[in-house]
Amino acid sequence: MPLKIRATTIYDGDHPADNTIDSQNEASVDSELAALGLFSRQISGATPNPYFKDFRTIKELEGTPLLLVARSMRQPRRSLDG
C-alpha cells in the first residue's frame, strides 16, 4: 500500500486558496482515510483535528466525523482504553 498521495492540479469540487498551506492537496494515505467521514470534495488545505491536544478518550468525544485510522493494533487499543 502506498504511504502518500501525490498532488493534482485539477479536481472537481476542490477550491484551493492562494496561500501556501491551503493550496496543497498531497497527503498521506492514513490522513485521507481518516477524512472520508467528512464527505467533502475539498482536497486542498488542512482539516482541523478534533483529537489534537484533547485528553479525553475517543469514546468520550461525540459528533466527530473523522474516521479513526491506525498503523498498528497497539495504537487504537491505547486510544480507546484511555
PDB file of N, CA and C in Angstrom:
ATOM      1  N   MET A   1       0.838  -1.167   0.000  1.00  0.00           N
ATOM      2  CA  MET A   1       0.000   0.000   0.000  1.00  0.00           C
ATOM      3  C   MET A   1       0.892   1.242   0.000  1.00  0.00           C
ATOM      4  N   PRO A   2       0.551   2.240  -0.819  1.00  0.00           N
ATOM      5  CA  PRO A   2       1.353   3.465  -0.814  1.00  0.00           C
ATOM      6  C   PRO A   2       1.184   4.228   0.493  1.00  0.00           C
ATOM      7  N   LEU A   3       2.178   5.040   0.846  1.00  0.00           N
ATOM      8  CA  LEU A   3       2.119   5.825   2.073  1.00  0.00           C
ATOM      9  C   LEU A   3       1.658   7.253   1.836  1.00  0.00           C
ATOM     10  N   LYS A   4       1.739   7.726   0.573  1.00  0.00           N
ATOM     11  CA  LYS A   4       1.302   9.093   0.313  1.00  0.00           C
ATOM     12  C   LYS A   4       0.607   9.204  -1.035  1.00  0.00           C
ATOM     13  N   ILE A   5      -0.134  10.290  -1.186  1.00  0.00           N
ATOM     14  CA  ILE A   5      -0.874  10.579  -2.413  1.00  0.00           C
ATOM     15  C   ILE A   5      -0.279  11.848  -3.004  1.00  0.00           C
ATOM     16  N   ARG A   6       0.141  11.777  -4.253  1.00  0.00           N
ATOM     17  CA  ARG A   6       0.783  12.946  -4.863  1.00  0.00           C
ATOM     18  C   ARG A   6      -0.240  14.027  -5.212  1.00  0.00           C
ATOM     19  N   ALA A   7       0.230  15.224  -5.388  1.00  0.00           N
ATOM     20  CA  ALA A   7      -0.622  16.379  -5.675  1.00  0.00           C
ATOM     21  C   ALA A   7      -1.219  16.287  -7.074  1.00  0.00           C
ATOM     22  N   THR A   8      -2.366  16.909  -7.241  1.00  0.00           N
ATOM     23  CA  THR A   8      -3.010  17.011  -8.544  1.00  0.00           C
ATOM     24  C   THR A   8      -3.343  18.475  -8.798  1.00  0.00           C
ATOM     25  N   THR A   9      -3.430  18.872 -10.063  1.00  0.00           N
ATOM     26  CA  THR A   9      -3.701  20.270 -10.373  1.00  0.00           C
ATOM     27  C   THR A   9      -5.185  20.571 -10.521  1.00  0.00           C
ATOM     28  N   ILE A  10      -5.957  19.617 -11.027  1.00  0.00           N
ATOM     29  CA  ILE A  10      -7.387  19.841 -11.236  1.00  0.00           C
ATOM     30  C   ILE A  10      -8.172  18.716 -10.568  1.00  0.00           C
ATOM     31  N   TYR A  11      -9.142  19.084  -9.737  1.00  0.00           N
ATOM     32  CA  TYR A  11     -10.005  18.104  -9.082  1.00  0.00           C
ATOM     33  C   TYR A  11     -11.383  18.739  -8.906  1.00  0.00           C
ATOM     34  N   ASP A  12     -12.409  18.108  -9.449  1.00  0.00           N
ATOM     35  CA  ASP A  12     -13.768  18.649  -9.410  1.00  0.00           C
ATOM     36  C   ASP A  12     -14.250  18.822  -7.963  1.00  0.00           C
ATOM     37  N   GLY A  13     -14.649  20.027  -7.619  1.00  0.00           N
ATOM     38  CA  GLY A  13     -15.150  20.303  -6.279  1.00  0.00           C
ATOM     39  C   GLY A  13     -14.112  20.887  -5.341  1.00  0.00           C
ATOM     40  N   ASP A  14     -12.849  20.919  -5.761  1.00  0.00           N
ATOM     41  CA  ASP A  14     -11.789  21.469  -4.913  1.00  0.00           C
ATOM     42  C   ASP A  14     -11.672  22.973  -5.165  1.00  0.00           C
ATOM     43  N   HIS A  15     -11.407  23.728  -4.105  1.00  0.00           N
ATOM     44  CA  HIS A  15     -11.250  25.175  -4.198  1.00  0.00           C
ATOM     45  C   HIS A  15      -9.985  25.592  -3.449  1.00  0.00           C
ATOM     46  N   PRO A  16      -8.823  25.421  -4.084  1.00  0.00           N
ATOM     47  CA  PRO A  16      -7.577  25.781  -3.399  1.00  0.00           C
ATOM     48  C   PRO A  16      -7.481  27.287  -3.173  1.00  0.00           C
ATOM     49  N   ALA A  17      -6.866  27.670  -2.082  1.00  0.00           N
ATOM     50  CA  ALA A  17      -6.670  29.082  -1.752  1.00  0.00           C
ATOM     51  C   ALA A  17      -5.341  29.563  -2.318  1.00  0.00           C
ATOM     52  N   ASP A  18      -5.082  30.843  -2.168  1.00  0.00           N
ATOM     53  CA  ASP A  18      -3.855  31.426  -2.714  1.00  0.00           C
ATOM     54  C   ASP A  18      -2.650  31.280  -1.792  1.00  0.00           C
ATOM     55  N   ASN A  19      -2.869  30.882  -0.522  1.00  0.00           N
ATOM     56  CA  ASN A  19      -1.723  30.773   0.379  1.00  0.00           C
ATOM     57  C   ASN A  19      -1.091  29.386   0.279  1.00  0.00           C
ATOM     58  N   THR A  20       0.074  29.233   0.844  1.00  0.00           N
ATOM     59  CA  THR A  20       0.861  28.010   0.693  1.00  0.00           C
ATOM     60  C   THR A  20       0.157  26.772   1.237  1.00  0.00           C
ATOM     61  N   ILE A  21      -0.351  26.823   2.452  1.00  0.00           N
ATOM     62  CA  ILE A  21      -0.941  25.629   3.073  1.00  0.00           C
ATOM     63  C   ILE A  21      -2.256  25.227   2.412  1.00  0.00           C
ATOM     64  N   ASP A  22      -3.123  26.183   2.175  1.00  0.00           N
ATOM     65  CA  ASP A  22      -4.449  25.857   1.641  1.00  0.00           C
ATOM     66  C   ASP A  22      -4.480  25.622   0.141  1.00  0.00           C
ATOM     67  N   SER A  23      -3.321  25.692  -0.514  1.00  0.00           N
ATOM     68  CA  SER A  23      -3.268  25.359  -1.934  1.00  0.00           C
ATOM     69  C   SER A  23      -2.692  23.959  -2.155  1.00  0.00           C
ATOM     70  N   GLN A  24      -2.205  23.312  -1.117  1.00  0.00           N
ATOM     71  CA  GLN A  24      -1.605  21.976  -1.210  1.00  0.00           C
ATOM     72  C   GLN A  24      -2.681  20.901  -1.151  1.00  0.00           C
ATOM     73  N   ASN A  25      -2.536  19.837  -1.951  1.00  0.00           N
ATOM     74  CA  ASN A  25      -3.509  18.744  -1.870  1.00  0.00           C
ATOM     75  C   ASN A  25      -2.868  17.364  -1.815  1.00  0.00           C
ATOM     76  N   GLU A  26      -1.540  17.287  -1.684  1.00  0.00           N
ATOM     77  CA  GLU A  26      -0.931  15.985  -1.458  1.00  0.00           C
ATOM     78  C   GLU A  26      -1.147  15.600   0.005  1.00  0.00           C
ATOM     79  N   ALA A  27      -1.180  14.305   0.281  1.00  0.00           N
ATOM     80  CA  ALA A  27      -1.493  13.867   1.649  1.00  0.00           C
ATOM     81  C   ALA A  27      -0.970  12.460   1.880  1.00  0.00           C
ATOM     82  N   SER A  28      -0.998  12.056   3.139  1.00  0.00           N
ATOM     83  CA  SER A  28      -0.675  10.670   3.460  1.00  0.00           C
ATOM     84  C   SER A  28      -1.943   9.832   3.313  1.00  0.00           C
ATOM     85  N   VAL A  29      -1.785   8.561   3.055  1.00  0.00           N
ATOM     86  CA  VAL A  29      -2.932   7.676   2.868  1.00  0.00           C
ATOM     87  C   VAL A  29      -3.775   7.602   4.136  1.00  0.00           C
ATOM     88  N   ASP A  30      -3.134   7.533   5.308  1.00  0.00           N
ATOM     89  CA  ASP A  30      -3.925   7.415   6.532  1.00  0.00           C
ATOM     90  C   ASP A  30      -4.725   8.685   6.819  1.00  0.00           C
ATOM     91  N   SER A  31      -4.203   9.861   6.477  1.00  0.00           N
ATOM     92  CA  SER A  31      -4.982  11.081   6.696  1.00  0.00           C
ATOM     93  C   SER A  31      -6.166  11.156   5.732  1.00  0.00           C
ATOM     94  N   GLU A  32      -6.007  10.669   4.518  1.00  0.00           N
ATOM     95  CA  GLU A  32      -7.120  10.652   3.568  1.00  0.00           C
ATOM     96  C   GLU A  32      -8.204   9.668   4.001  1.00  0.00           C
ATOM     97  N   LEU A  33      -7.803   8.517   4.528  1.00  0.00           N
ATOM     98  CA  LEU A  33      -8.793   7.567   5.045  1.00  0.00           C
ATOM     99  C   LEU A  33      -9.546   8.164   6.231  1.00  0.00           C
ATOM    100  N   ALA A  34      -8.855   8.868   7.101  1.00  0.00           N
ATOM    101  CA  ALA A  34      -9.495   9.489   8.261  1.00  0.00           C
ATOM    102  C   ALA A  34     -10.523  10.531   7.838  1.00  0.00           C
ATOM    103  N   ALA A  35     -10.262  11.240   6.741  1.00  0.00           N
ATOM    104  CA  ALA A  35     -11.148  12.318   6.289  1.00  0.00           C
ATOM    105  C   ALA A  35     -12.347  11.819   5.478  1.00  0.00           C
ATOM    106  N   LEU A  36     -12.441  10.540   5.194  1.00  0.00           N
ATOM    107  CA  LEU A  36     -13.583  10.027   4.416  1.00  0.00           C
ATOM    108  C   LEU A  36     -14.921  10.344   5.074  1.00  0.00           C
ATOM    109  N   GLY A  37     -14.960  10.412   6.389  1.00  0.00           N
ATOM    110  CA  GLY A  37     -16.200  10.698   7.093  1.00  0.00           C
ATOM    111  C   GLY A  37     -16.690  12.125   6.925  1.00  0.00           C
ATOM    112  N   LEU A  38     -15.868  13.006   6.353  1.00  0.00           N
ATOM    113  CA  LEU A  38     -16.267  14.401   6.136  1.00  0.00           C
ATOM    114  C   LEU A  38     -17.176  14.552   4.919  1.00  0.00           C
ATOM    115  N   PHE A  39     -17.147  13.592   4.003  1.00  0.00           N
ATOM    116  CA  PHE A  39     -17.958  13.620   2.779  1.00  0.00           C
ATOM    117  C   PHE A  39     -17.813  14.946   2.037  1.00  0.00           C
ATOM    118  N   SER A  40     -16.579  15.354   1.784  1.00  0.00           N
ATOM    119  CA  SER A  40     -16.293  16.624   1.115  1.00  0.00           C
ATOM    120  C   SER A  40     -15.471  16.385  -0.136  1.00  0.00           C
ATOM    121  N   ARG A  41     -15.710  17.195  -1.168  1.00  0.00           N
ATOM    122  CA  ARG A  41     -14.896  17.127  -2.384  1.00  0.00           C
ATOM    123  C   ARG A  41     -13.682  18.051  -2.273  1.00  0.00           C
ATOM    124  N   GLN A  42     -13.600  18.838  -1.208  1.00  0.00           N
ATOM    125  CA  GLN A  42     -12.472  19.740  -0.987  1.00  0.00           C
ATOM    126  C   GLN A  42     -11.258  18.917  -0.583  1.00  0.00           C
ATOM    127  N   ILE A  43     -10.186  18.986  -1.385  1.00  0.00           N
ATOM    128  CA  ILE A  43      -8.988  18.205  -1.064  1.00  0.00           C
ATOM    129  C   ILE A  43      -7.786  19.084  -0.737  1.00  0.00           C
ATOM    130  N   SER A  44      -7.874  20.382  -0.973  1.00  0.00           N
ATOM    131  CA  SER A  44      -6.745  21.272  -0.690  1.00  0.00           C
ATOM    132  C   SER A  44      -6.861  21.847   0.713  1.00  0.00           C
ATOM    133  N   GLY A  45      -5.720  22.035   1.339  1.00  0.00           N
ATOM    134  CA  GLY A  45      -5.692  22.666   2.645  1.00  0.00           C
ATOM    135  C   GLY A  45      -5.769  21.672   3.788  1.00  0.00           C
ATOM    136  N   ALA A  46      -5.616  22.208   4.978  1.00  0.00           N
ATOM    137  CA  ALA A  46      -5.606  21.394   6.188  1.00  0.00           C
ATOM    138  C   ALA A  46      -7.024  21.226   6.739  1.00  0.00           C
ATOM    139  N   THR A  47      -7.244  20.120   7.423  1.00  0.00           N
ATOM    140  CA  THR A  47      -8.502  19.876   8.126  1.00  0.00           C
ATOM    141  C   THR A  47      -8.191  19.844   9.614  1.00  0.00           C
ATOM    142  N   PRO A  48      -8.907  20.620  10.415  1.00  0.00           N
ATOM    143  CA  PRO A  48      -8.640  20.612  11.854  1.00  0.00           C
ATOM    144  C   PRO A  48      -8.859  19.223  12.455  1.00  0.00           C
ATOM    145  N   ASN A  49      -7.991  18.847  13.373  1.00  0.00           N
ATOM    146  CA  ASN A  49      -8.085  17.550  14.041  1.00  0.00           C
ATOM    147  C   ASN A  49      -8.712  17.749  15.429  1.00  0.00           C
ATOM    148  N   PRO A  50      -9.945  17.276  15.630  1.00  0.00           N
ATOM    149  CA  PRO A  50     -10.601  17.478  16.923  1.00  0.00           C
ATOM    150  C   PRO A  50      -9.947  16.692  18.060  1.00  0.00           C
ATOM    151  N   TYR A  51      -9.107  15.730  17.744  1.00  0.00           N
ATOM    152  CA  TYR A  51      -8.427  14.937  18.762  1.00  0.00           C
ATOM    153  C   TYR A  51      -7.130  15.598  19.245  1.00  0.00           C
ATOM    154  N   PHE A  52      -6.615  16.574  18.502  1.00  0.00           N
ATOM    155  CA  PHE A  52      -5.331  17.198  18.827  1.00  0.00           C
ATOM    156  C   PHE A  52      -5.415  17.935  20.161  1.00  0.00           C
ATOM    157  N   LYS A  53      -4.498  17.617  21.055  1.00  0.00           N
ATOM    158  CA  LYS A  53      -4.407  18.209  22.399  1.00  0.00           C
ATOM    159  C   LYS A  53      -5.693  18.051  23.206  1.00  0.00           C
ATOM    160  N   ASP A  54      -6.423  16.984  22.969  1.00  0.00           N
ATOM    161  CA  ASP A  54      -7.620  16.683  23.754  1.00  0.00           C
ATOM    162  C   ASP A  54      -7.298  15.436  24.565  1.00  0.00           C
ATOM    163  N   PHE A  55      -7.475  15.504  25.851  1.00  0.00           N
ATOM    164  CA  PHE A  55      -7.054  14.408  26.717  1.00  0.00           C
ATOM    165  C   PHE A  55      -8.183  13.450  27.077  1.00  0.00           C
ATOM    166  N   ARG A  56      -9.352  13.654  26.492  1.00  0.00           N
ATOM    167  CA  ARG A  56     -10.448  12.706  26.702  1.00  0.00           C
ATOM    168  C   ARG A  56     -10.204  11.476  25.830  1.00  0.00           C
ATOM    169  N   THR A  57     -10.785  10.360  26.215  1.00  0.00           N
ATOM    170  CA  THR A  57     -10.678   9.174  25.367  1.00  0.00           C
ATOM    171  C   THR A  57     -11.593   9.355  24.157  1.00  0.00           C
ATOM    172  N   ILE A  58     -11.354   8.589  23.136  1.00  0.00           N
ATOM    173  CA  ILE A  58     -12.136   8.695  21.915  1.00  0.00           C
ATOM    174  C   ILE A  58     -13.603   8.356  22.180  1.00  0.00           C
ATOM    175  N   LYS A  59     -13.855   7.467  23.123  1.00  0.00           N
ATOM    176  CA  LYS A  59     -15.240   7.126  23.475  1.00  0.00           C
ATOM    177  C   LYS A  59     -16.001   8.323  24.019  1.00  0.00           C
ATOM    178  N   GLU A  60     -15.295   9.268  24.630  1.00  0.00           N
ATOM    179  CA  GLU A  60     -15.934  10.442  25.241  1.00  0.00           C
ATOM    180  C   GLU A  60     -16.256  11.550  24.240  1.00  0.00           C
ATOM    181  N   LEU A  61     -15.659  11.521  23.065  1.00  0.00           N
ATOM    182  CA  LEU A  61     -15.891  12.551  22.052  1.00  0.00           C
ATOM    183  C   LEU A  61     -17.098  12.177  21.207  1.00  0.00           C
ATOM    184  N   GLU A  62     -17.969  13.145  20.980  1.00  0.00           N
ATOM    185  CA  GLU A  62     -19.178  12.891  20.185  1.00  0.00           C
ATOM    186  C   GLU A  62     -19.241  13.857  19.005  1.00  0.00           C
ATOM    187  N   GLY A  63     -19.899  13.431  17.961  1.00  0.00           N
ATOM    188  CA  GLY A  63     -20.107  14.303  16.814  1.00  0.00           C
ATOM    189  C   GLY A  63     -18.871  14.560  15.986  1.00  0.00           C
ATOM    190  N   THR A  64     -17.882  13.688  16.049  1.00  0.00           N
ATOM    191  CA  THR A  64     -16.657  13.860  15.281  1.00  0.00           C
ATOM    192  C   THR A  64     -16.738  13.021  14.014  1.00  0.00           C
ATOM    193  N   PRO A  65     -16.700  13.664  12.830  1.00  0.00           N
ATOM    194  CA  PRO A  65     -16.873  12.916  11.581  1.00  0.00           C
ATOM    195  C   PRO A  65     -15.623  12.195  11.091  1.00  0.00           C
ATOM    196  N   LEU A  66     -14.478  12.385  11.755  1.00  0.00           N
ATOM    197  CA  LEU A  66     -13.262  11.726  11.289  1.00  0.00           C
ATOM    198  C   LEU A  66     -13.280  10.247  11.636  1.00  0.00           C
ATOM    199  N   LEU A  67     -12.799   9.438  10.710  1.00  0.00           N
ATOM    200  CA  LEU A  67     -12.647   8.009  10.960  1.00  0.00           C
ATOM    201  C   LEU A  67     -11.331   7.784  11.687  1.00  0.00           C
ATOM    202  N   LEU A  68     -11.287   6.809  12.550  1.00  0.00           N
ATOM    203  CA  LEU A  68     -10.051   6.504  13.267  1.00  0.00           C
ATOM    204  C   LEU A  68      -9.216   5.538  12.444  1.00  0.00           C
ATOM    205  N   VAL A  69      -7.975   5.905  12.191  1.00  0.00           N
ATOM    206  CA  VAL A  69      -7.067   5.123  11.361  1.00  0.00           C
ATOM    207  C   VAL A  69      -5.794   4.877  12.168  1.00  0.00           C
ATOM    208  N   ALA A  70      -5.274   3.668  12.111  1.00  0.00           N
ATOM    209  CA  ALA A  70      -4.050   3.336  12.841  1.00  0.00           C
ATOM    210  C   ALA A  70      -3.141   2.490  11.969  1.00  0.00           C
ATOM    211  N   ARG A  71      -1.864   2.552  12.263  1.00  0.00           N
ATOM    212  CA  ARG A  71      -0.887   1.765  11.514  1.00  0.00           C
ATOM    213  C   ARG A  71      -0.540   0.467  12.223  1.00  0.00           C
ATOM    214  N   SER A  72      -0.975   0.317  13.469  1.00  0.00           N
ATOM    215  CA  SER A  72      -0.749  -0.922  14.203  1.00  0.00           C
ATOM    216  C   SER A  72      -1.934  -1.169  15.128  1.00  0.00           C
ATOM    217  N   MET A  73      -2.053  -2.363  15.659  1.00  0.00           N
ATOM    218  CA  MET A  73      -3.160  -2.692  16.553  1.00  0.00           C
ATOM    219  C   MET A  73      -2.950  -2.138  17.963  1.00  0.00           C
ATOM    220  N   ARG A  74      -1.740  -1.817  18.348  1.00  0.00           N
ATOM    221  CA  ARG A  74      -1.490  -1.272  19.688  1.00  0.00           C
ATOM    222  C   ARG A  74      -2.046   0.146  19.824  1.00  0.00           C
ATOM    223  N   GLN A  75      -1.883   0.940  18.794  1.00  0.00           N
ATOM    224  CA  GLN A  75      -2.304   2.336  18.842  1.00  0.00           C
ATOM    225  C   GLN A  75      -3.806   2.494  19.119  1.00  0.00           C
ATOM    226  N   PRO A  76      -4.713   1.823  18.395  1.00  0.00           N
ATOM    227  CA  PRO A  76      -6.142   2.059  18.673  1.00  0.00           C
ATOM    228  C   PRO A  76      -6.571   1.549  20.046  1.00  0.00           C
ATOM    229  N   ARG A  77      -5.997   0.483  20.526  1.00  0.00           N
ATOM    230  CA  ARG A  77      -6.383  -0.021  21.851  1.00  0.00           C
ATOM    231  C   ARG A  77      -6.036   0.975  22.943  1.00  0.00           C
ATOM    232  N   ARG A  78      -4.860   1.607  22.844  1.00  0.00           N
ATOM    233  CA  ARG A  78      -4.480   2.624  23.831  1.00  0.00           C
ATOM    234  C   ARG A  78      -5.407   3.839  23.745  1.00  0.00           C
ATOM    235  N   SER A  79      -5.788   4.232  22.540  1.00  0.00           N
ATOM    236  CA  SER A  79      -6.647   5.393  22.363  1.00  0.00           C
ATOM    237  C   SER A  79      -8.048   5.149  22.893  1.00  0.00           C
ATOM    238  N   LEU A  80      -8.558   3.966  22.697  1.00  0.00           N
ATOM    239  CA  LEU A  80      -9.917   3.654  23.149  1.00  0.00           C
ATOM    240  C   LEU A  80      -9.989   3.403  24.640  1.00  0.00           C
ATOM    241  N   ASP A  81      -8.976   2.761  25.183  1.00  0.00           N
ATOM    242  CA  ASP A  81      -8.994   2.423  26.597  1.00  0.00           C
ATOM    243  C   ASP A  81      -8.631   3.591  27.505  1.00  0.00           C
ATOM    244  N   GLY A  82      -7.944   4.585  26.944  1.00  0.00           N
ATOM    245  CA  GLY A  82      -7.574   5.769  27.721  1.00  0.00           C
ATOM    246  C   GLY A  82      -6.390   5.536  28.492  1.00  0.00           C
TER     247      GLY A  82
END
